[in-house]
N, C-alpha and C. Protein backbone atom coordinates (compact mmCIF):
# COMPACT_ATOMS: atom_id res chain seq x y z
N MET A 1 -4.33 -13.80 0.72
CA MET A 1 -3.71 -12.63 0.15
C MET A 1 -4.66 -12.03 -0.88
N ILE A 2 -4.83 -10.72 -0.78
CA ILE A 2 -5.70 -9.99 -1.70
C ILE A 2 -4.87 -8.93 -2.41
N GLU A 3 -4.93 -8.90 -3.73
CA GLU A 3 -4.25 -7.84 -4.46
C GLU A 3 -5.14 -6.59 -4.45
N VAL A 4 -4.57 -5.49 -4.00
CA VAL A 4 -5.29 -4.22 -3.95
C VAL A 4 -5.07 -3.52 -5.28
N PRO A 5 -6.15 -3.23 -6.01
CA PRO A 5 -5.96 -2.57 -7.29
C PRO A 5 -5.39 -1.16 -7.11
N CYS A 6 -4.35 -0.86 -7.87
CA CYS A 6 -3.73 0.47 -7.86
C CYS A 6 -3.60 0.90 -9.31
N THR A 7 -4.35 1.89 -9.70
CA THR A 7 -4.28 2.36 -11.08
C THR A 7 -4.13 3.88 -11.10
N PRO A 8 -2.89 4.36 -10.93
CA PRO A 8 -2.67 5.80 -10.89
C PRO A 8 -3.04 6.52 -12.19
N ALA A 9 -2.89 5.84 -13.32
CA ALA A 9 -3.22 6.43 -14.63
C ALA A 9 -2.59 7.81 -14.80
N GLY A 10 -1.35 7.95 -14.35
CA GLY A 10 -0.64 9.20 -14.52
C GLY A 10 -0.90 10.24 -13.44
N ALA A 11 -1.80 9.93 -12.48
CA ALA A 11 -2.11 10.87 -11.40
C ALA A 11 -1.06 10.76 -10.30
N SER A 12 -0.70 11.88 -9.71
CA SER A 12 0.27 11.86 -8.61
C SER A 12 -0.43 11.73 -7.26
N ARG A 13 -1.76 11.79 -7.24
CA ARG A 13 -2.53 11.62 -6.01
C ARG A 13 -3.92 11.12 -6.37
N TRP A 14 -4.38 10.11 -5.64
CA TRP A 14 -5.76 9.65 -5.80
C TRP A 14 -6.18 8.90 -4.55
N THR A 15 -7.50 8.83 -4.36
CA THR A 15 -8.09 8.11 -3.23
C THR A 15 -9.05 7.07 -3.78
N GLN A 16 -9.02 5.89 -3.16
CA GLN A 16 -9.92 4.83 -3.57
C GLN A 16 -10.49 4.13 -2.34
N ARG A 17 -11.71 3.63 -2.49
CA ARG A 17 -12.34 2.83 -1.44
C ARG A 17 -11.99 1.38 -1.70
N THR A 18 -11.50 0.70 -0.67
CA THR A 18 -11.06 -0.70 -0.79
C THR A 18 -11.56 -1.49 0.40
N THR A 19 -12.09 -2.69 0.15
CA THR A 19 -12.56 -3.56 1.22
C THR A 19 -11.43 -4.49 1.64
N LEU A 20 -11.09 -4.42 2.93
CA LEU A 20 -10.07 -5.28 3.52
C LEU A 20 -10.66 -5.89 4.79
N ALA A 21 -10.58 -7.20 4.93
CA ALA A 21 -11.11 -7.89 6.11
C ALA A 21 -12.57 -7.50 6.36
N SER A 22 -13.35 -7.48 5.29
CA SER A 22 -14.80 -7.22 5.34
C SER A 22 -15.17 -5.81 5.79
N ARG A 23 -14.23 -4.87 5.76
CA ARG A 23 -14.51 -3.48 6.10
C ARG A 23 -13.99 -2.58 4.99
N ASP A 24 -14.67 -1.47 4.78
CA ASP A 24 -14.23 -0.50 3.78
C ASP A 24 -13.21 0.46 4.37
N TYR A 25 -12.19 0.76 3.59
CA TYR A 25 -11.16 1.72 3.96
C TYR A 25 -10.95 2.66 2.79
N LEU A 26 -10.52 3.87 3.10
CA LEU A 26 -10.13 4.83 2.08
C LEU A 26 -8.62 4.84 2.02
N LEU A 27 -8.07 4.55 0.85
CA LEU A 27 -6.63 4.54 0.65
C LEU A 27 -6.27 5.72 -0.25
N THR A 28 -5.42 6.60 0.25
CA THR A 28 -4.97 7.74 -0.53
C THR A 28 -3.49 7.54 -0.86
N PHE A 29 -3.21 7.51 -2.14
CA PHE A 29 -1.86 7.34 -2.66
C PHE A 29 -1.37 8.71 -3.11
N GLU A 30 -0.14 9.04 -2.74
CA GLU A 30 0.41 10.33 -3.14
C GLU A 30 1.89 10.19 -3.48
N TRP A 31 2.27 10.68 -4.65
CA TRP A 31 3.66 10.64 -5.08
C TRP A 31 4.40 11.80 -4.44
N SER A 32 5.52 11.50 -3.80
CA SER A 32 6.37 12.53 -3.20
C SER A 32 7.52 12.81 -4.15
N GLN A 33 7.49 13.96 -4.77
CA GLN A 33 8.55 14.34 -5.69
C GLN A 33 9.87 14.51 -4.93
N ARG A 34 9.77 14.97 -3.68
CA ARG A 34 10.97 15.24 -2.88
C ARG A 34 11.80 13.98 -2.67
N ASP A 35 11.15 12.87 -2.27
CA ASP A 35 11.93 11.65 -2.02
C ASP A 35 11.75 10.59 -3.09
N GLY A 36 11.00 10.89 -4.14
CA GLY A 36 10.85 9.96 -5.26
C GLY A 36 10.19 8.66 -4.89
N GLY A 37 9.11 8.74 -4.09
CA GLY A 37 8.41 7.53 -3.69
C GLY A 37 6.93 7.78 -3.43
N TRP A 38 6.19 6.68 -3.38
CA TRP A 38 4.76 6.75 -3.09
C TRP A 38 4.53 6.74 -1.59
N ARG A 39 3.54 7.50 -1.16
CA ARG A 39 3.10 7.56 0.24
C ARG A 39 1.65 7.11 0.30
N LEU A 40 1.27 6.45 1.40
CA LEU A 40 -0.08 5.93 1.55
C LEU A 40 -0.68 6.39 2.87
N THR A 41 -1.92 6.86 2.81
CA THR A 41 -2.71 7.18 3.99
C THR A 41 -3.89 6.22 4.02
N VAL A 42 -4.14 5.62 5.19
CA VAL A 42 -5.25 4.68 5.36
C VAL A 42 -6.25 5.30 6.32
N GLU A 43 -7.50 5.42 5.86
CA GLU A 43 -8.58 5.96 6.68
C GLU A 43 -9.69 4.92 6.80
N ASP A 44 -10.43 4.98 7.92
CA ASP A 44 -11.58 4.10 8.06
C ASP A 44 -12.71 4.64 7.18
N GLN A 45 -13.85 3.95 7.18
CA GLN A 45 -14.96 4.33 6.30
C GLN A 45 -15.54 5.70 6.62
N ASP A 46 -15.23 6.24 7.81
CA ASP A 46 -15.69 7.57 8.19
C ASP A 46 -14.68 8.65 7.86
N GLY A 47 -13.55 8.27 7.26
CA GLY A 47 -12.55 9.24 6.87
C GLY A 47 -11.56 9.61 7.97
N VAL A 48 -11.50 8.79 9.03
CA VAL A 48 -10.55 9.04 10.12
C VAL A 48 -9.28 8.23 9.84
N ALA A 49 -8.15 8.92 9.75
CA ALA A 49 -6.89 8.26 9.40
C ALA A 49 -6.35 7.44 10.55
N SER A 50 -5.94 6.20 10.23
CA SER A 50 -5.24 5.37 11.22
C SER A 50 -3.73 5.48 10.99
N THR A 51 -3.35 5.86 9.79
CA THR A 51 -1.95 6.11 9.47
C THR A 51 -1.91 7.09 8.31
N SER A 52 -0.87 7.89 8.27
CA SER A 52 -0.81 8.93 7.26
C SER A 52 0.61 9.04 6.69
N GLY A 53 0.68 9.07 5.36
CA GLY A 53 1.95 9.32 4.69
C GLY A 53 3.00 8.25 4.84
N ARG A 54 2.58 6.99 4.95
CA ARG A 54 3.55 5.90 5.07
C ARG A 54 4.16 5.61 3.71
N ARG A 55 5.48 5.51 3.66
CA ARG A 55 6.18 5.24 2.40
C ARG A 55 5.93 3.80 1.95
N LEU A 56 5.68 3.63 0.66
CA LEU A 56 5.53 2.30 0.09
C LEU A 56 6.88 1.79 -0.35
N SER A 57 7.43 0.85 0.40
CA SER A 57 8.72 0.24 0.10
C SER A 57 8.52 -1.25 -0.12
N THR A 58 9.10 -1.78 -1.16
CA THR A 58 8.93 -3.18 -1.50
C THR A 58 9.33 -4.09 -0.34
N GLY A 59 8.41 -5.01 -0.01
CA GLY A 59 8.68 -6.01 1.01
C GLY A 59 8.52 -5.56 2.45
N TYR A 60 8.26 -4.28 2.68
CA TYR A 60 8.14 -3.77 4.05
C TYR A 60 6.67 -3.58 4.40
N PRO A 61 6.20 -4.17 5.50
CA PRO A 61 4.80 -4.02 5.89
C PRO A 61 4.45 -2.55 6.17
N VAL A 62 3.49 -2.03 5.43
CA VAL A 62 3.12 -0.62 5.51
C VAL A 62 2.58 -0.24 6.88
N LEU A 63 1.83 -1.15 7.49
CA LEU A 63 1.16 -0.84 8.76
C LEU A 63 1.95 -1.29 9.99
N ARG A 64 3.17 -1.75 9.80
CA ARG A 64 3.99 -2.21 10.91
C ARG A 64 4.13 -1.09 11.94
N GLY A 65 3.84 -1.40 13.18
CA GLY A 65 3.98 -0.44 14.26
C GLY A 65 2.78 0.48 14.46
N VAL A 66 1.77 0.40 13.60
CA VAL A 66 0.57 1.22 13.76
C VAL A 66 -0.36 0.52 14.74
N LEU A 67 -0.62 1.17 15.87
CA LEU A 67 -1.41 0.56 16.93
C LEU A 67 -2.87 0.99 16.93
N ASP A 68 -3.26 1.87 16.05
CA ASP A 68 -4.62 2.38 15.99
C ASP A 68 -5.61 1.25 15.72
N ALA A 69 -6.65 1.15 16.53
CA ALA A 69 -7.65 0.08 16.41
C ALA A 69 -8.45 0.17 15.11
N ARG A 70 -8.44 1.33 14.45
CA ARG A 70 -9.20 1.51 13.20
C ARG A 70 -8.47 0.94 11.98
N ARG A 71 -7.22 0.60 12.12
CA ARG A 71 -6.45 0.08 10.99
C ARG A 71 -6.94 -1.33 10.63
N PRO A 72 -6.68 -1.77 9.41
CA PRO A 72 -7.00 -3.16 9.06
C PRO A 72 -6.23 -4.12 9.97
N PRO A 73 -6.80 -5.28 10.28
CA PRO A 73 -6.13 -6.21 11.18
C PRO A 73 -4.88 -6.87 10.59
N GLY A 74 -4.79 -6.95 9.28
CA GLY A 74 -3.62 -7.53 8.63
C GLY A 74 -2.63 -6.45 8.26
N ASP A 75 -1.94 -6.63 7.13
CA ASP A 75 -0.98 -5.62 6.70
C ASP A 75 -0.95 -5.52 5.18
N LEU A 76 -0.42 -4.42 4.70
CA LEU A 76 -0.25 -4.15 3.28
C LEU A 76 1.23 -4.22 2.95
N VAL A 77 1.56 -4.87 1.83
CA VAL A 77 2.95 -5.03 1.41
C VAL A 77 3.03 -4.82 -0.10
N VAL A 78 4.06 -4.09 -0.53
CA VAL A 78 4.32 -3.91 -1.95
C VAL A 78 5.19 -5.07 -2.44
N VAL A 79 4.81 -5.64 -3.57
CA VAL A 79 5.54 -6.76 -4.17
C VAL A 79 6.09 -6.33 -5.52
N ASP A 80 7.37 -6.56 -5.75
CA ASP A 80 8.01 -6.31 -7.04
C ASP A 80 7.87 -7.60 -7.84
N THR A 81 7.00 -7.59 -8.83
CA THR A 81 6.70 -8.82 -9.59
C THR A 81 7.83 -9.25 -10.51
N LEU A 82 8.83 -8.38 -10.71
CA LEU A 82 9.96 -8.74 -11.57
C LEU A 82 11.19 -9.16 -10.78
N ALA A 83 11.13 -9.07 -9.45
CA ALA A 83 12.28 -9.48 -8.63
C ALA A 83 12.43 -10.99 -8.74
N SER A 84 13.67 -11.45 -8.68
CA SER A 84 13.96 -12.88 -8.76
C SER A 84 15.26 -13.14 -8.02
N ASP A 85 15.74 -14.37 -8.13
CA ASP A 85 17.01 -14.71 -7.49
C ASP A 85 18.17 -13.88 -8.05
N THR A 86 18.04 -13.47 -9.31
CA THR A 86 19.12 -12.72 -9.94
C THR A 86 18.82 -11.23 -10.08
N ARG A 87 17.60 -10.84 -9.78
CA ARG A 87 17.21 -9.43 -9.91
C ARG A 87 16.66 -8.94 -8.58
N ALA A 88 17.34 -7.97 -7.98
CA ALA A 88 16.93 -7.45 -6.67
C ALA A 88 15.63 -6.66 -6.78
N PRO A 89 14.80 -6.72 -5.74
CA PRO A 89 13.56 -5.92 -5.77
C PRO A 89 13.87 -4.43 -5.70
N GLU A 90 13.01 -3.65 -6.34
CA GLU A 90 13.12 -2.20 -6.33
C GLU A 90 11.85 -1.62 -5.73
N ASP A 91 11.93 -0.41 -5.21
CA ASP A 91 10.74 0.28 -4.73
C ASP A 91 9.95 0.79 -5.93
N PRO A 92 8.65 0.97 -5.75
CA PRO A 92 7.83 1.42 -6.88
C PRO A 92 8.18 2.83 -7.33
N SER A 93 8.22 3.00 -8.63
CA SER A 93 8.46 4.32 -9.22
C SER A 93 7.10 4.96 -9.53
N PHE A 94 7.14 6.16 -10.07
CA PHE A 94 5.90 6.85 -10.41
C PHE A 94 5.05 6.04 -11.37
N VAL A 95 5.68 5.36 -12.32
CA VAL A 95 4.93 4.63 -13.35
C VAL A 95 4.77 3.13 -13.06
N SER A 96 5.49 2.58 -12.08
CA SER A 96 5.45 1.12 -11.89
C SER A 96 4.39 0.64 -10.89
N LEU A 97 3.85 1.54 -10.05
CA LEU A 97 2.83 1.12 -9.09
C LEU A 97 1.57 0.70 -9.85
N GLY A 98 1.11 -0.51 -9.56
CA GLY A 98 -0.06 -1.04 -10.25
C GLY A 98 0.29 -1.85 -11.48
N ALA A 99 1.56 -1.82 -11.88
CA ALA A 99 2.03 -2.60 -13.03
C ALA A 99 3.07 -3.59 -12.52
N ARG A 100 4.32 -3.18 -12.55
CA ARG A 100 5.40 -4.03 -12.03
C ARG A 100 5.25 -4.24 -10.53
N HIS A 101 4.83 -3.22 -9.82
CA HIS A 101 4.67 -3.28 -8.36
C HIS A 101 3.20 -3.38 -7.99
N THR A 102 2.86 -4.40 -7.22
CA THR A 102 1.49 -4.56 -6.76
C THR A 102 1.43 -4.40 -5.25
N LEU A 103 0.28 -3.95 -4.77
CA LEU A 103 0.05 -3.82 -3.34
C LEU A 103 -0.86 -4.97 -2.94
N VAL A 104 -0.43 -5.74 -1.95
CA VAL A 104 -1.23 -6.88 -1.49
C VAL A 104 -1.58 -6.70 -0.02
N TYR A 105 -2.75 -7.26 0.34
CA TYR A 105 -3.18 -7.25 1.73
C TYR A 105 -3.05 -8.68 2.25
N LEU A 106 -2.39 -8.81 3.40
CA LEU A 106 -2.22 -10.11 4.06
C LEU A 106 -3.06 -10.14 5.32
N ASP A 107 -3.91 -11.13 5.46
CA ASP A 107 -4.69 -11.31 6.68
C ASP A 107 -3.73 -11.64 7.83
N PRO A 108 -4.16 -11.43 9.07
CA PRO A 108 -3.28 -11.72 10.21
C PRO A 108 -2.67 -13.12 10.20
N GLY A 109 -3.42 -14.12 9.75
CA GLY A 109 -2.92 -15.49 9.70
C GLY A 109 -1.84 -15.70 8.65
N GLU A 110 -1.76 -14.79 7.66
CA GLU A 110 -0.76 -14.90 6.60
C GLU A 110 0.55 -14.17 6.93
N LEU A 111 0.54 -13.39 7.99
CA LEU A 111 1.74 -12.66 8.38
C LEU A 111 2.69 -13.57 9.09
N GLY A 112 3.98 -13.45 8.80
CA GLY A 112 4.98 -14.34 9.36
C GLY A 112 5.50 -13.94 10.69
């Protein structure tokens, strides 16, 4: 499991280069004011999108169902670091991504 650094620093949209499974990808994070959630676009190192505008929901694999060969072989999942047996997980808010909510990459062998 690899934690993907997410540091919006108050920005509603940003792109970062991230290495996953020994390959570089461009990850673009964008806040959707309409539905109150973060969206993620994943592009290969040449800027070709394998998925676009996927909602970041806690515990749900971001790349589930994406069949494009350019996508990372594993999956990305948002983790609510404050969730517990008594506290239900929440989706990331505008200010919680990169703090309370982390994005992790799971290699194919780590997927259940």
